[in-house]
């Protein structure tokens, strides 16, 4: 994606729009597998990286928040939900 004046242009297909992407700081964006492993390691629970609920949590957060914030969010989530 590239910025062009006040619109966003897809570098792959050339599409232009004002809202093709949600811009986030790139300093914490990483591939899902690495995010999942790093978060599990930060939690001290490497085995959790293969659990369905944890994978779903990571899918919902890996582009949004860095590991430190995800760690707090995982620990603070409502564990009574099934």
Protein backbone atom coordinates (compact mmCIF):
# COMPACT_ATOMS: atom_id res chain seq x y z
CA UNK A 1 0.00 0.00 0.00
CA UNK A 2 1.17 3.51 -0.71
CA UNK A 3 -0.18 6.88 0.21
CA UNK A 4 -0.95 9.22 -2.66
CA UNK A 5 -2.18 12.65 -1.66
CA UNK A 6 -5.35 11.95 0.31
CA UNK A 7 -6.06 8.42 -0.95
CA UNK A 8 -4.52 4.99 -0.57
CA UNK A 9 -3.24 3.00 -3.55
CA UNK A 10 -2.76 -0.76 -3.59
CA UNK A 11 0.72 -1.42 -4.99
CA UNK A 12 -0.37 -4.87 -6.20
CA UNK A 13 -3.59 -4.17 -8.12
CA UNK A 14 -3.58 -0.37 -8.44
CA UNK A 15 -6.91 0.14 -6.67
CA UNK A 16 -7.38 3.56 -5.11
CA UNK A 17 -9.57 4.51 -2.18
CA UNK A 18 -9.64 6.63 0.94
CA UNK A 19 -10.04 3.55 3.13
CA UNK A 20 -8.25 0.52 1.64
CA UNK A 21 -6.24 -0.01 4.78
CA UNK A 22 -6.16 0.75 8.45
CA UNK A 23 -2.74 2.23 9.02
CA UNK A 24 -0.89 0.94 12.07
CA UNK A 25 2.67 1.52 13.23
CA UNK A 26 4.81 -1.16 11.60
CA UNK A 27 7.16 -1.53 14.56
CA UNK A 28 5.05 -4.25 16.17
CA UNK A 29 3.44 -5.95 13.18
CA UNK A 30 4.75 -9.46 12.60
CA UNK A 31 3.54 -12.69 10.99
CA UNK A 32 0.83 -14.50 12.94
CA UNK A 33 2.94 -17.60 13.67
CA UNK A 34 5.75 -15.55 15.17
CA UNK A 35 3.30 -13.37 17.13
CA UNK A 36 1.64 -16.49 18.54
CA UNK A 37 4.96 -18.08 19.55
CA UNK A 38 6.32 -14.84 21.03
CA UNK A 39 3.15 -14.19 23.00
CA UNK A 40 3.08 -17.76 24.33
CA UNK A 41 6.73 -17.38 25.37
CA UNK A 42 6.02 -14.02 27.03
CA UNK A 43 3.23 -15.70 28.99
CA UNK A 44 5.61 -18.52 29.95
CA UNK A 45 3.22 -21.06 28.41
CA UNK A 46 4.80 -22.22 25.13
CA UNK A 47 2.34 -25.14 24.80
CA UNK A 48 -0.63 -22.76 24.67
CA UNK A 49 0.42 -21.63 21.16
CA UNK A 50 -1.42 -24.64 19.66
CA UNK A 51 -4.71 -24.18 21.54
CA UNK A 52 -7.75 -23.06 19.56
CA UNK A 53 -8.79 -20.23 21.90
CA UNK A 54 -5.27 -18.83 21.96
CA UNK A 55 -4.97 -18.97 18.16
CA UNK A 56 -8.30 -17.16 17.82
CA UNK A 57 -7.15 -14.53 20.31
CA UNK A 58 -3.95 -14.01 18.32
CA UNK A 59 -5.89 -13.77 15.04
CA UNK A 60 -7.90 -10.94 16.53
CA UNK A 61 -4.93 -9.04 17.91
CA UNK A 62 -1.69 -9.64 15.97
CA UNK A 63 -2.18 -6.67 13.67
CA UNK A 64 -3.58 -4.43 16.36
CA UNK A 65 -1.48 -4.57 19.52
CA UNK A 66 2.11 -5.40 20.46
CA UNK A 67 3.06 -8.45 22.53
CA UNK A 68 3.19 -6.58 25.87
CA UNK A 69 -0.37 -5.32 25.46
CA UNK A 70 -1.59 -8.69 24.16
CA UNK A 71 -0.05 -10.38 27.20
CA UNK A 72 -2.07 -8.13 29.52
CA UNK A 73 -5.21 -8.60 27.42
CA UNK A 74 -4.84 -12.41 27.47
CA UNK A 75 -4.36 -12.45 31.23
CA UNK A 76 -7.27 -10.06 31.76
CA UNK A 77 -9.81 -11.69 29.47
CA UNK A 78 -12.94 -13.26 30.89
CA UNK A 79 -11.97 -16.89 31.42
CA UNK A 80 -15.50 -17.87 32.44
CA UNK A 81 -16.76 -17.66 28.84
CA UNK A 82 -16.96 -20.96 27.00
